[in-house]
C-alpha atoms as a PDB file:
ATOM      1  CA  MET A   1       0.053   0.012  -0.096  1.00  0.00           C
ATOM      2  CA  THR A   2       1.498   3.431  -1.071  1.00  0.00           C
ATOM      3  CA  PRO A   3       1.568   6.248   1.247  1.00  0.00           C
ATOM      4  CA  ASP A   4      -1.166   8.261  -0.127  1.00  0.00           C
ATOM      5  CA  GLU A   5      -3.257   5.107  -0.201  1.00  0.00           C
ATOM      6  CA  VAL A   6      -2.238   4.942   3.642  1.00  0.00           C
ATOM      7  CA  SER A   7      -3.094   8.083   4.290  1.00  0.00           C
ATOM      8  CA  ARG A   8      -6.287   7.873   2.674  1.00  0.00           C
ATOM      9  CA  GLN A   9      -7.376   5.034   5.052  1.00  0.00           C
ATOM     10  CA  THR A  10      -6.365   6.382   7.882  1.00  0.00           C
ATOM     11  CA  GLN A  11      -8.502   9.430   7.012  1.00  0.00           C
ATOM     12  CA  ALA A  12     -11.493   7.621   6.236  1.00  0.00           C
ATOM     13  CA  LEU A  13     -11.366   5.573   9.608  1.00  0.00           C
ATOM     14  CA  SER A  14     -11.457   8.706  11.385  1.00  0.00           C
ATOM     15  CA  LEU A  15     -14.638   9.894   9.921  1.00  0.00           C
ATOM     16  CA  PRO A  16     -18.230   8.382  10.949  1.00  0.00           C
ATOM     17  CA  LEU A  17     -19.078   5.767   8.564  1.00  0.00           C
ATOM     18  CA  LEU A  18     -22.156   7.489   7.631  1.00  0.00           C
ATOM     19  CA  GLU A  19     -22.831  10.983   7.692  1.00  0.00           C
ATOM     20  CA  VAL A  20     -26.311  12.819   6.811  1.00  0.00           C
ATOM     21  CA  ARG A  21     -26.513  16.910   6.600  1.00  0.00           C
ATOM     22  CA  ASP A  22     -29.848  18.228   5.818  1.00  0.00           C
ATOM     23  CA  LEU A  23     -31.386  15.143   3.826  1.00  0.00           C
ATOM     24  CA  SER A  24     -34.627  16.430   2.248  1.00  0.00           C
ATOM     25  CA  VAL A  25     -36.985  14.177  -0.412  1.00  0.00           C
ATOM     26  CA  ALA A  26     -39.694  16.036  -1.898  1.00  0.00           C
ATOM     27  CA  PHE A  27     -42.682  14.086  -3.771  1.00  0.00           C
ATOM     28  CA  GLU A  28     -44.740  15.101  -6.541  1.00  0.00           C
ATOM     29  CA  ARG A  29     -48.259  15.361  -6.208  1.00  0.00           C
ATOM     30  CA  ASP A  30     -50.131  13.072  -9.136  1.00  0.00           C
ATOM     31  CA  GLY A  31     -52.365  15.447 -11.084  1.00  0.00           C
ATOM     32  CA  GLY A  32     -51.202  18.586  -8.723  1.00  0.00           C
ATOM     33  CA  ASN A  33     -49.274  20.492 -12.351  1.00  0.00           C
ATOM     34  CA  GLY A  34     -45.918  20.081 -10.045  1.00  0.00           C
ATOM     35  CA  GLN A  35     -46.761  20.772  -6.715  1.00  0.00           C
ATOM     36  CA  THR A  36     -44.475  18.693  -4.391  1.00  0.00           C
ATOM     37  CA  GLY A  37     -44.169  18.084  -0.514  1.00  0.00           C
ATOM     38  CA  LEU A  38     -41.095  16.924   1.762  1.00  0.00           C
ATOM     39  CA  ALA A  39     -41.658  13.186   2.833  1.00  0.00           C
ATOM     40  CA  VAL A  40     -37.841  13.758   4.764  1.00  0.00           C
ATOM     41  CA  ASP A  41     -37.395  17.037   6.111  1.00  0.00           C
ATOM     42  CA  SER A  42     -33.595  18.247   6.628  1.00  0.00           C
ATOM     43  CA  VAL A  43     -32.874  15.207   8.059  1.00  0.00           C
ATOM     44  CA  SER A  44     -28.920  15.343   9.404  1.00  0.00           C
ATOM     45  CA  PHE A  45     -27.779  12.166  11.588  1.00  0.00           C
ATOM     46  CA  SER A  46     -24.348  10.277  11.595  1.00  0.00           C
ATOM     47  CA  LEU A  47     -23.313   6.218  12.066  1.00  0.00           C
ATOM     48  CA  GLU A  48     -20.350   5.556  13.211  1.00  0.00           C
ATOM     49  CA  ARG A  49     -18.175   2.210  13.044  1.00  0.00           C
ATOM     50  CA  GLY A  50     -19.306  -0.713  15.136  1.00  0.00           C
ATOM     51  CA  LYS A  51     -22.430   1.014  16.313  1.00  0.00           C
ATOM     52  CA  THR A  52     -26.295   0.769  15.455  1.00  0.00           C
ATOM     53  CA  LEU A  53     -28.446   3.804  15.186  1.00  0.00           C
ATOM     54  CA  CYS A  54     -32.376   3.394  14.995  1.00  0.00           C
ATOM     55  CA  LEU A  55     -34.513   5.135  13.440  1.00  0.00           C
ATOM     56  CA  VAL A  56     -37.930   5.407  15.061  1.00  0.00           C
ATOM     57  CA  GLY A  57     -41.397   6.878  14.721  1.00  0.00           C
ATOM     58  CA  GLU A  58     -44.741   5.870  13.805  1.00  0.00           C
ATOM     59  CA  SER A  59     -45.837   4.299  10.211  1.00  0.00           C
ATOM     60  CA  GLY A  60     -45.816   7.374   7.648  1.00  0.00           C
ATOM     61  CA  CYS A  61     -43.377   9.141   9.731  1.00  0.00           C
ATOM     62  CA  GLY A  62     -40.557   9.177   6.741  1.00  0.00           C
ATOM     63  CA  LYS A  63     -37.939   6.341   8.102  1.00  0.00           C
ATOM     64  CA  THR A  64     -38.480   4.116   5.014  1.00  0.00           C
ATOM     65  CA  VAL A  65     -38.160   7.019   2.636  1.00  0.00           C
ATOM     66  CA  THR A  66     -35.311   8.312   4.369  1.00  0.00           C
ATOM     67  CA  ALA A  67     -33.605   4.615   4.319  1.00  0.00           C
ATOM     68  CA  LEU A  68     -34.462   4.188   0.474  1.00  0.00           C
ATOM     69  CA  SER A  69     -33.254   7.505  -0.632  1.00  0.00           C
ATOM     70  CA  LEU A  70     -29.872   6.785   1.198  1.00  0.00           C
ATOM     71  CA  LEU A  71     -29.257   4.305  -1.359  1.00  0.00           C
ATOM     72  CA  ARG A  72     -30.890   6.469  -3.997  1.00  0.00           C
ATOM     73  CA  LEU A  73     -33.700   3.094  -4.603  1.00  0.00           C
ATOM     74  CA  LEU A  74     -36.836   5.678  -4.719  1.00  0.00           C
ATOM     75  CA  PRO A  75     -38.291   5.724  -8.297  1.00  0.00           C
ATOM     76  CA  SER A  76     -38.022   9.055  -9.508  1.00  0.00           C
ATOM     77  CA  PRO A  77     -40.382  10.556 -10.640  1.00  0.00           C
ATOM     78  CA  PRO A  78     -42.316  11.069  -7.912  1.00  0.00           C
ATOM     79  CA  ALA A  79     -39.024  11.199  -5.409  1.00  0.00           C
ATOM     80  CA  ARG A  80     -36.074  13.376  -5.540  1.00  0.00           C
ATOM     81  CA  ILE A  81     -33.553  14.612  -2.962  1.00  0.00           C
ATOM     82  CA  SER A  82     -34.379  17.964  -3.288  1.00  0.00           C
ATOM     83  CA  GLY A  83     -31.426  18.846  -0.978  1.00  0.00           C
ATOM     84  CA  GLY A  84     -28.555  18.001   1.297  1.00  0.00           C
ATOM     85  CA  ARG A  85     -25.637  15.251   1.210  1.00  0.00           C
ATOM     86  CA  VAL A  86     -25.254  11.349   2.107  1.00  0.00           C
ATOM     87  CA  LEU A  87     -21.514  11.219   2.672  1.00  0.00           C
ATOM     88  CA  PHE A  88     -20.238   7.458   2.899  1.00  0.00           C
ATOM     89  CA  ASP A  89     -16.758   7.158   4.282  1.00  0.00           C
ATOM     90  CA  GLY A  90     -16.336  10.866   3.357  1.00  0.00           C
ATOM     91  CA  GLU A  91     -17.998  10.405  -0.656  1.00  0.00           C
ATOM     92  CA  ASP A  92     -20.944  11.960  -1.400  1.00  0.00           C
ATOM     93  CA  LEU A  93     -23.672   9.560  -2.584  1.00  0.00           C
ATOM     94  CA  THR A  94     -26.374  12.358  -4.264  1.00  0.00           C
ATOM     95  CA  ALA A  95     -23.117  13.339  -6.285  1.00  0.00           C
ATOM     96  CA  MET A  96     -22.664   9.883  -7.798  1.00  0.00           C
ATOM     97  CA  SER A  97     -23.945   8.314 -11.113  1.00  0.00           C
ATOM     98  CA  GLU A  98     -26.375   5.416 -11.613  1.00  0.00           C
ATOM     99  CA  LYS A  99     -23.038   3.367 -12.262  1.00  0.00           C
ATOM    100  CA  GLN A 100     -21.387   4.243  -9.682  1.00  0.00           C
ATOM    101  CA  MET A 101     -24.209   3.592  -7.113  1.00  0.00           C
ATOM    102  CA  ARG A 102     -24.521  -0.140  -8.506  1.00  0.00           C
ATOM    103  CA  ARG A 103     -21.052  -1.074  -7.351  1.00  0.00           C
ATOM    104  CA  ILE A 104     -22.003  -0.038  -3.846  1.00  0.00           C
ATOM    105  CA  ARG A 105     -25.373  -1.525  -3.633  1.00  0.00           C
ATOM    106  CA  GLY A 106     -24.900  -4.786  -2.574  1.00  0.00           C
ATOM    107  CA  ASN A 107     -21.555  -4.861  -2.261  1.00  0.00           C
ATOM    108  CA  ARG A 108     -20.210  -2.140   0.326  1.00  0.00           C
ATOM    109  CA  ALA A 109     -23.487  -1.339   1.486  1.00  0.00           C
ATOM    110  CA  GLY A 110     -26.272  -4.091   1.978  1.00  0.00           C
ATOM    111  CA  MET A 111     -30.185  -3.721   2.620  1.00  0.00           C
ATOM    112  CA  VAL A 112     -32.843  -6.047   4.509  1.00  0.00           C
ATOM    113  CA  PHE A 113     -35.891  -4.740   3.338  1.00  0.00           C
ATOM    114  CA  GLN A 114     -39.253  -5.034   5.473  1.00  0.00           C
ATOM    115  CA  ASP A 115     -41.263  -7.898   3.976  1.00  0.00           C
ATOM    116  CA  PRO A 116     -39.109 -10.868   2.766  1.00  0.00           C
ATOM    117  CA  MET A 117     -42.056 -12.187   0.966  1.00  0.00           C
ATOM    118  CA  THR A 118     -42.485  -9.724  -1.809  1.00  0.00           C
ATOM    119  CA  SER A 119     -38.523  -8.818  -1.835  1.00  0.00           C
ATOM    120  CA  LEU A 120     -37.232 -12.109  -2.541  1.00  0.00           C
ATOM    121  CA  ASN A 121     -37.869 -13.685  -5.938  1.00  0.00           C
ATOM    122  CA  PRO A 122     -40.377 -16.802  -5.602  1.00  0.00           C
ATOM    123  CA  VAL A 123     -39.336 -18.650  -8.560  1.00  0.00           C
ATOM    124  CA  MET A 124     -35.888 -18.340  -7.911  1.00  0.00           C
ATOM    125  CA  ARG A 125     -33.479 -20.833  -5.187  1.00  0.00           C
ATOM    126  CA  VAL A 126     -32.238 -18.556  -2.246  1.00  0.00           C
ATOM    127  CA  GLY A 127     -28.526 -19.807  -2.917  1.00  0.00           C
ATOM    128  CA  ASP A 128     -29.086 -18.551  -6.377  1.00  0.00           C
ATOM    129  CA  GLN A 129     -30.365 -15.391  -4.806  1.00  0.00           C
ATOM    130  CA  ILE A 130     -26.911 -14.802  -1.904  1.00  0.00           C
ATOM    131  CA  GLY A 131     -25.126 -15.790  -4.656  1.00  0.00           C
ATOM    132  CA  GLU A 132     -26.035 -13.249  -7.284  1.00  0.00           C
ATOM    133  CA  SER A 133     -24.077 -10.309  -5.820  1.00  0.00           C
ATOM    134  CA  LEU A 134     -21.036 -12.190  -5.383  1.00  0.00           C
ATOM    135  CA  ARG A 135     -21.174 -12.832  -9.048  1.00  0.00           C
ATOM    136  CA  LEU A 136     -21.574  -9.773 -10.055  1.00  0.00           C
ATOM    137  CA  HIS A 137     -19.256  -7.871  -7.175  1.00  0.00           C
ATOM    138  CA  ARG A 138     -16.570 -10.284  -6.274  1.00  0.00           C
ATOM    139  CA  GLY A 139     -16.455 -12.239  -9.586  1.00  0.00           C
ATOM    140  CA  MET A 140     -17.266 -15.977  -8.383  1.00  0.00           C
ATOM    141  CA  THR A 141     -18.209 -18.475 -10.497  1.00  0.00           C
ATOM    142  CA  ALA A 142     -21.898 -20.203 -10.206  1.00  0.00           C
ATOM    143  CA  ALA A 143     -20.117 -23.239  -7.809  1.00  0.00           C
ATOM    144  CA  GLN A 144     -17.926 -20.719  -5.838  1.00  0.00           C
ATOM    145  CA  ALA A 145     -21.488 -18.431  -5.090  1.00  0.00           C
ATOM    146  CA  ARG A 146     -23.093 -21.356  -4.476  1.00  0.00           C
ATOM    147  CA  GLU A 147     -20.505 -22.661  -1.972  1.00  0.00           C
ATOM    148  CA  ALA A 148     -20.329 -19.172  -0.217  1.00  0.00           C
ATOM    149  CA  ALA A 149     -24.263 -18.701   0.013  1.00  0.00           C
ATOM    150  CA  THR A 150     -24.061 -22.313   1.717  1.00  0.00           C
ATOM    151  CA  ALA A 151     -21.940 -20.751   4.336  1.00  0.00           C
ATOM    152  CA  MET A 152     -23.919 -17.297   4.278  1.00  0.00           C
ATOM    153  CA  LEU A 153     -26.830 -19.836   5.200  1.00  0.00           C
ATOM    154  CA  GLU A 154     -25.063 -21.626   8.062  1.00  0.00           C
ATOM    155  CA  ARG A 155     -23.598 -17.858   9.126  1.00  0.00           C
ATOM    156  CA  VAL A 156     -27.030 -16.771   9.729  1.00  0.00           C
ATOM    157  CA  LYS A 157     -28.265 -19.987  11.939  1.00  0.00           C
ATOM    158  CA  ILE A 158     -30.252 -21.593   9.102  1.00  0.00           C
ATOM    159  CA  PRO A 159     -30.276 -25.304   9.946  1.00  0.00           C
ATOM    160  CA  ASP A 160     -29.298 -27.907   7.428  1.00  0.00           C
ATOM    161  CA  PRO A 161     -27.724 -25.218   4.788  1.00  0.00           C
ATOM    162  CA  GLY A 162     -26.061 -27.360   2.013  1.00  0.00           C
ATOM    163  CA  LEU A 163     -29.972 -28.478   1.859  1.00  0.00           C
ATOM    164  CA  ARG A 164     -31.368 -25.405   2.495  1.00  0.00           C
ATOM    165  CA  VAL A 165     -29.203 -23.555  -0.097  1.00  0.00           C
ATOM    166  CA  ARG A 166     -31.956 -25.271  -3.070  1.00  0.00           C
ATOM    167  CA  ASP A 167     -35.223 -24.126  -1.526  1.00  0.00           C
ATOM    168  CA  PHE A 168     -37.426 -21.570  -3.147  1.00  0.00           C
ATOM    169  CA  PRO A 169     -38.560 -18.645  -0.493  1.00  0.00           C
ATOM    170  CA  HIS A 170     -42.056 -20.615  -0.320  1.00  0.00           C
ATOM    171  CA  GLN A 171     -40.615 -23.475   1.548  1.00  0.00           C
ATOM    172  CA  MET A 172     -39.388 -21.466   4.132  1.00  0.00           C
ATOM    173  CA  SER A 173     -40.977 -20.093   7.381  1.00  0.00           C
ATOM    174  CA  GLY A 174     -41.131 -16.127   8.079  1.00  0.00           C
ATOM    175  CA  GLY A 175     -38.224 -16.091  10.263  1.00  0.00           C
ATOM    176  CA  MET A 176     -35.890 -18.069   7.655  1.00  0.00           C
ATOM    177  CA  ARG A 177     -36.772 -16.046   4.771  1.00  0.00           C
ATOM    178  CA  GLN A 178     -35.555 -13.194   6.847  1.00  0.00           C
ATOM    179  CA  ARG A 179     -32.656 -14.728   7.492  1.00  0.00           C
ATOM    180  CA  VAL A 180     -31.994 -15.171   4.032  1.00  0.00           C
ATOM    181  CA  MET A 181     -32.639 -11.320   3.335  1.00  0.00           C
ATOM    182  CA  ILE A 182     -29.718 -10.829   5.753  1.00  0.00           C
ATOM    183  CA  ALA A 183     -27.579 -13.354   4.363  1.00  0.00           C
ATOM    184  CA  MET A 184     -27.908 -11.830   1.098  1.00  0.00           C
ATOM    185  CA  ALA A 185     -26.937  -7.860   2.811  1.00  0.00           C
ATOM    186  CA  LEU A 186     -23.862  -9.528   4.080  1.00  0.00           C
ATOM    187  CA  ALA A 187     -22.826 -11.783   1.395  1.00  0.00           C
ATOM    188  CA  CYS A 188     -20.197  -9.476   0.439  1.00  0.00           C
ATOM    189  CA  ALA A 189     -19.400  -7.902   3.555  1.00  0.00           C
ATOM    190  CA  PRO A 190     -20.429  -4.561   3.342  1.00  0.00           C
ATOM    191  CA  ASP A 191     -19.509  -1.285   5.895  1.00  0.00           C
ATOM    192  CA  LEU A 192     -23.152  -0.224   6.043  1.00  0.00           C
ATOM    193  CA  ILE A 193     -25.841  -2.296   6.665  1.00  0.00           C
ATOM    194  CA  ILE A 194     -29.758  -0.792   6.306  1.00  0.00           C
ATOM    195  CA  ALA A 195     -32.758  -3.071   7.713  1.00  0.00           C
ATOM    196  CA  ASP A 196     -36.268  -1.811   7.453  1.00  0.00           C
ATOM    197  CA  GLU A 197     -38.090  -3.315  10.177  1.00  0.00           C
ATOM    198  CA  PRO A 198     -36.567  -6.633  10.064  1.00  0.00           C
ATOM    199  CA  THR A 199     -38.655  -7.952  12.793  1.00  0.00           C
ATOM    200  CA  THR A 200     -41.915  -7.591  11.867  1.00  0.00           C
ATOM    201  CA  ALA A 201     -44.910  -9.867  11.875  1.00  0.00           C
ATOM    202  CA  LEU A 202     -42.347 -12.388  13.776  1.00  0.00           C
ATOM    203  CA  ASP A 203     -43.262 -13.658  16.940  1.00  0.00           C
ATOM    204  CA  VAL A 204     -41.694 -12.216  19.703  1.00  0.00           C
ATOM    205  CA  THR A 205     -39.028 -14.828  20.398  1.00  0.00           C
ATOM    206  CA  VAL A 206     -38.094 -14.944  16.656  1.00  0.00           C
ATOM    207  CA  GLN A 207     -37.447 -11.087  16.724  1.00  0.00           C
ATOM    208  CA  LYS A 208     -35.350 -11.536  19.950  1.00  0.00           C
ATOM    209  CA  GLN A 209     -32.976 -14.407  17.615  1.00  0.00           C
ATOM    210  CA  ILE A 210     -33.034 -11.676  14.744  1.00  0.00           C
ATOM    211  CA  LEU A 211     -31.766  -8.808  16.430  1.00  0.00           C
ATOM    212  CA  ASP A 212     -29.207 -10.996  18.747  1.00  0.00           C
ATOM    213  CA  LEU A 213     -27.735 -12.581  15.420  1.00  0.00           C
ATOM    214  CA  MET A 214     -27.959  -9.125  13.260  1.00  0.00           C
ATOM    215  CA  ARG A 215     -25.844  -7.826  16.815  1.00  0.00           C
ATOM    216  CA  ASP A 216     -23.235 -10.655  16.222  1.00  0.00           C
ATOM    217  CA  LEU A 217     -22.567 -10.060  12.976  1.00  0.00           C
ATOM    218  CA  ILE A 218     -21.254  -6.594  13.082  1.00  0.00           C
ATOM    219  CA  ASP A 219     -19.563  -6.501  16.531  1.00  0.00           C
ATOM    220  CA  GLY A 220     -15.916  -6.362  15.766  1.00  0.00           C
ATOM    221  CA  SER A 221     -16.669  -6.304  11.896  1.00  0.00           C
ATOM    222  CA  GLY A 222     -16.468  -2.596  11.784  1.00  0.00           C
ATOM    223  CA  SER A 223     -19.614  -2.841   9.858  1.00  0.00           C
ATOM    224  CA  GLY A 224     -22.280  -0.314  10.756  1.00  0.00           C
ATOM    225  CA  LEU A 225     -25.958  -1.026  11.228  1.00  0.00           C
ATOM    226  CA  LEU A 226     -29.140   1.369   9.999  1.00  0.00           C
ATOM    227  CA  LEU A 227     -31.742  -0.073  11.996  1.00  0.00           C
ATOM    228  CA  ILE A 228     -35.682   1.077  11.292  1.00  0.00           C
ATOM    229  CA  THR A 229     -37.994   0.601  13.078  1.00  0.00           C
ATOM    230  CA  HIS A 230     -41.538   1.921  15.370  1.00  0.00           C
ATOM    231  CA  ASP A 231     -41.127  -0.783  18.035  1.00  0.00           C
ATOM    232  CA  LEU A 232     -39.375   0.948  21.480  1.00  0.00           C
ATOM    233  CA  GLY A 233     -38.181  -2.495  22.902  1.00  0.00           C
ATOM    234  CA  VAL A 234     -36.060  -2.944  19.987  1.00  0.00           C
ATOM    235  CA  VAL A 235     -34.800  -0.130  20.238  1.00  0.00           C
ATOM    236  CA  ALA A 236     -33.824  -0.434  23.793  1.00  0.00           C
ATOM    237  CA  GLN A 237     -32.788  -4.227  22.872  1.00  0.00           C
ATOM    238  CA  ALA A 238     -30.381  -3.402  19.598  1.00  0.00           C
ATOM    239  CA  ALA A 239     -29.268   0.459  19.600  1.00  0.00           C
ATOM    240  CA  ASP A 240     -26.304   2.673  20.831  1.00  0.00           C
ATOM    241  CA  ASP A 241     -28.003   5.800  19.546  1.00  0.00           C
ATOM    242  CA  VAL A 242     -31.321   6.676  18.611  1.00  0.00           C
ATOM    243  CA  ALA A 243     -33.238   9.414  16.200  1.00  0.00           C
ATOM    244  CA  VAL A 244     -37.116  10.131  16.716  1.00  0.00           C
ATOM    245  CA  MET A 245     -38.729  10.962  13.383  1.00  0.00           C
ATOM    246  CA  TYR A 246     -42.093  12.571  13.071  1.00  0.00           C
ATOM    247  CA  ALA A 247     -43.589  14.149  10.028  1.00  0.00           C
ATOM    248  CA  GLY A 248     -40.587  13.879   8.013  1.00  0.00           C
ATOM    249  CA  ARG A 249     -38.074  15.796  10.553  1.00  0.00           C
ATOM    250  CA  ILE A 250     -36.016  14.095  13.176  1.00  0.00           C
ATOM    251  CA  VAL A 251     -37.425  15.670  16.457  1.00  0.00           C
ATOM    252  CA  GLU A 252     -35.085  13.659  19.372  1.00  0.00           C
ATOM    253  CA  GLN A 253     -31.950  12.171  18.990  1.00  0.00           C
ATOM    254  CA  GLY A 254     -29.185  10.742  20.833  1.00  0.00           C
ATOM    255  CA  PRO A 255     -27.863   7.866  23.222  1.00  0.00           C
ATOM    256  CA  VAL A 256     -30.213   5.050  23.374  1.00  0.00           C
ATOM    257  CA  ARG A 257     -30.040   5.174  27.695  1.00  0.00           C
ATOM    258  CA  GLY A 258     -30.765   8.972  27.495  1.00  0.00           C
ATOM    259  CA  VAL A 259     -33.278   9.243  25.168  1.00  0.00           C
ATOM    260  CA  LEU A 260     -35.543   6.774  26.474  1.00  0.00           C
ATOM    261  CA  GLU A 261     -34.779   6.888  30.415  1.00  0.00           C
ATOM    262  CA  ALA A 262     -35.198  10.855  30.196  1.00  0.00           C
ATOM    263  CA  PRO A 263     -37.130  12.145  26.777  1.00  0.00           C
ATOM    264  CA  SER A 264     -36.810  16.024  26.076  1.00  0.00           C
ATOM    265  CA  HIS A 265     -39.860  15.514  23.258  1.00  0.00           C
ATOM    266  CA  PRO A 266     -43.182  15.568  23.633  1.00  0.00           C
ATOM    267  CA  TYR A 267     -43.307  12.687  20.814  1.00  0.00           C
ATOM    268  CA  THR A 268     -41.127  10.660  22.741  1.00  0.00           C
ATOM    269  CA  ILE A 269     -42.685  10.992  26.111  1.00  0.00           C
ATOM    270  CA  GLY A 270     -45.744   9.726  24.061  1.00  0.00           C
ATOM    271  CA  LEU A 271     -43.960   6.771  22.492  1.00  0.00           C
ATOM    272  CA  LEU A 272     -42.785   5.343  25.517  1.00  0.00           C
ATOM    273  CA  ARG A 273     -45.879   5.954  27.590  1.00  0.00           C
ATOM    274  CA  SER A 274     -48.210   4.027  24.654  1.00  0.00           C
ATOM    275  CA  ARG A 275     -45.883   0.819  25.562  1.00  0.00           C
ATOM    276  CA  PRO A 276     -47.905  -1.944  27.439  1.00  0.00           C
ATOM    277  CA  GLY A 277     -47.630  -1.463  31.120  1.00  0.00           C
ATOM    278  CA  ALA A 278     -45.715   1.826  30.810  1.00  0.00           C
ATOM    279  CA  THR A 279     -47.825   3.586  33.285  1.00  0.00           C
ATOM    280  CA  ALA A 280     -49.050   0.648  35.478  1.00  0.00           C
ATOM    281  CA  PRO A 281     -49.114  -2.992  35.297  1.00  0.00           C
ATOM    282  CA  LYS A 282     -52.347  -3.879  33.220  1.00  0.00           C
ATOM    283  CA  ALA A 283     -53.411  -0.351  32.639  1.00  0.00           C
ATOM    284  CA  ARG A 284     -55.836   0.988  29.595  1.00  0.00           C
ATOM    285  CA  LEU A 285     -52.767   1.945  26.485  1.00  0.00           C
ATOM    286  CA  GLU A 286     -52.541   5.331  26.578  1.00  0.00           C
ATOM    287  CA  ALA A 287     -52.112   6.243  23.312  1.00  0.00           C
ATOM    288  CA  ILE A 288     -50.958   9.170  21.186  1.00  0.00           C
ATOM    289  CA  PRO A 289     -54.478  11.181  19.921  1.00  0.00           C
ATOM    290  CA  GLY A 290     -54.766  11.724  16.247  1.00  0.00           C
ATOM    291  CA  THR A 291     -52.559  10.615  13.481  1.00  0.00           C
ATOM    292  CA  VAL A 292     -49.181  11.414  11.736  1.00  0.00           C
ATOM    293  CA  PRO A 293     -50.404  14.179   9.473  1.00  0.00           C
ATOM    294  CA  GLY A 294     -50.470  13.199   5.383  1.00  0.00           C
ATOM    295  CA  LEU A 295     -47.574  14.806   2.945  1.00  0.00           C
ATOM    296  CA  TRP A 296     -49.753  17.192   1.946  1.00  0.00           C
ATOM    297  CA  THR A 297     -51.837  18.222   5.566  1.00  0.00           C
ATOM    298  CA  ARG A 298     -48.740  19.048   7.198  1.00  0.00           C
ATOM    299  CA  PRO A 299     -49.683  22.062  10.070  1.00  0.00           C
ATOM    300  CA  GLY A 300     -47.405  25.305  10.140  1.00  0.00           C
ATOM    301  CA  GLY A 301     -45.425  25.842  13.330  1.00  0.00           C
ATOM    302  CA  CYS A 302     -44.024  22.824  15.218  1.00  0.00           C
ATOM    303  CA  THR A 303     -45.722  19.666  13.085  1.00  0.00           C
ATOM    304  CA  PHE A 304     -46.747  17.748  16.456  1.00  0.00           C
ATOM    305  CA  HIS A 305     -48.663  20.665  18.289  1.00  0.00           C
ATOM    306  CA  THR A 306     -51.959  19.393  17.002  1.00  0.00           C
ATOM    307  CA  ARG A 307     -51.570  16.439  19.122  1.00  0.00           C
ATOM    308  CA  CYS A 308     -49.373  17.597  21.662  1.00  0.00           C
ATOM    309  CA  PRO A 309     -50.897  17.933  25.474  1.00  0.00           C
ATOM    310  CA  TYR A 310     -47.969  20.726  26.183  1.00  0.00           C
ATOM    311  CA  ALA A 311     -48.436  22.813  23.298  1.00  0.00           C
ATOM    312  CA  PHE A 312     -48.955  26.589  23.789  1.00  0.00           C
ATOM    313  CA  GLU A 313     -49.512  29.411  21.163  1.00  0.00           C
ATOM    314  CA  ARG A 314     -46.111  29.675  20.070  1.00  0.00           C
ATOM    315  CA  CYS A 315     -46.118  26.028  18.507  1.00  0.00           C
ATOM    316  CA  ARG A 316     -48.680  27.103  16.235  1.00  0.00           C
ATOM    317  CA  PHE A 317     -46.571  29.370  14.391  1.00  0.00           C
ATOM    318  CA  ASP A 318     -43.120  28.636  15.107  1.00  0.00           C
ATOM    319  CA  ALA A 319     -41.157  25.799  13.926  1.00  0.00           C
ATOM    320  CA  PRO A 320     -38.551  25.276  16.940  1.00  0.00           C
ATOM    321  CA  PRO A 321     -34.814  24.306  15.833  1.00  0.00           C
ATOM    322  CA  LEU A 322     -33.128  21.165  16.659  1.00  0.00           C
ATOM    323  CA  PHE A 323     -31.823  22.711  20.129  1.00  0.00           C
ATOM    324  CA  THR A 324     -28.793  20.626  21.931  1.00  0.00           C
ATOM    325  CA  LEU A 325     -29.174  19.702  25.308  1.00  0.00           C
ATOM    326  CA  GLU A 326     -26.609  17.812  27.727  1.00  0.00           C
ATOM    327  CA  GLY A 327     -25.264  14.531  27.176  1.00  0.00           C
ATOM    328  CA  ASP A 328     -24.906  14.429  23.250  1.00  0.00           C
ATOM    329  CA  LYS A 329     -29.119  14.911  23.306  1.00  0.00           C
ATOM    330  CA  LYS A 330     -30.540  17.297  20.417  1.00  0.00           C
ATOM    331  CA  SER A 331     -34.769  18.152  20.880  1.00  0.00           C
ATOM    332  CA  ARG A 332     -37.046  20.023  18.197  1.00  0.00           C
ATOM    333  CA  CYS A 333     -39.067  21.667  21.118  1.00  0.00           C
ATOM    334  CA  TRP A 334     -39.683  24.861  22.103  1.00  0.00           C
ATOM    335  CA  LEU A 335     -39.786  23.436  25.861  1.00  0.00           C
ATOM    336  CA  ALA A 336     -36.262  22.531  25.741  1.00  0.00           C
ATOM    337  CA  GLU A 337     -35.194  25.564  24.852  1.00  0.00           C
ATOM    338  CA  PRO A 338     -34.580  26.659  28.117  1.00  0.00           C
ATOM    339  CA  LEU A 339     -32.439  23.481  28.693  1.00  0.00           C
ATOM    340  CA  SER A 340     -30.213  23.679  25.526  1.00  0.00           C
ATOM    341  CA  ILE A 341     -26.729  24.620  25.551  1.00  0.00           C
ATOM    342  CA  ILE A 342     -26.161  25.813  21.723  1.00  0.00           C
ATOM    343  CA  PRO A 343     -29.115  25.610  19.044  1.00  0.00           C
ATOM    344  CA  CYS A 344     -28.557  24.030  16.213  1.00  0.00           C
ATOM    345  CA  SER A 345     -30.357  24.399  12.984  1.00  0.00           C
END
């Protein structure tokens, strides 16, 4: 390795693995005469190597759109990245050509999609689906890829991998299909893994197995995991850091213990109180009133003020910035302003 290559590698290791800066994603409205709405609005976060960042919030808050936009997987039109940067090892993914992105997807960055039954090819054996990226990015022969796929199935703890490698997706259980998706995402030993609701529709025992598996696979590897979820139990179990999204914006973020044990945004407080047994054993669930506003019906000011029990007049008209608090926490709430150290954009 030349001195320049060593210098570049050292510099890359000193940077966050993934740094998202003011990312905005707009959607065109059908028949809207060019009208657009921001599904993701000025979102910023970073992910370190060997760490897990959870992006959490209700359905419709923009989590999946954020995840898909990082790897430029959204159809355009109607979607387009309208602002911001996505820095992966210091390189801006938003400025890359489609050809350059194809070298990154499935190779340096892998994605575990939400529903394996719709993401896996139903007429293709799972071993061939895992081996596809190995043949494309690693130049393996069909036999080499099949052997590597068998090893990946063993790695994700699927029994009888030598036999299962020839199965079709419908011959596997939901938990096994999710493990196949993880094997596909990890086949090329990526630096970044994005997992979109990987435990949805799985029973509690299988959920824990999947989360433990993903944690084991990134521990010590230097990879980073961006985990998308609406389940705060998953956040508590899996995350090092957490970012809470609402209506396309991050409203609170920081180390997982700091956010879950001392939340500073009313939305985070509401999510925590809505968990079974959060207020008292066998008590009724304390739901947040209302629903997440749609893309075209978002209120002015703080977008959460229509559902917030602590809202006051200023919340209706002025959108709060993301305030920096003690303990590396941030909160987008006017009630956090007296606690802030430095206001940030």
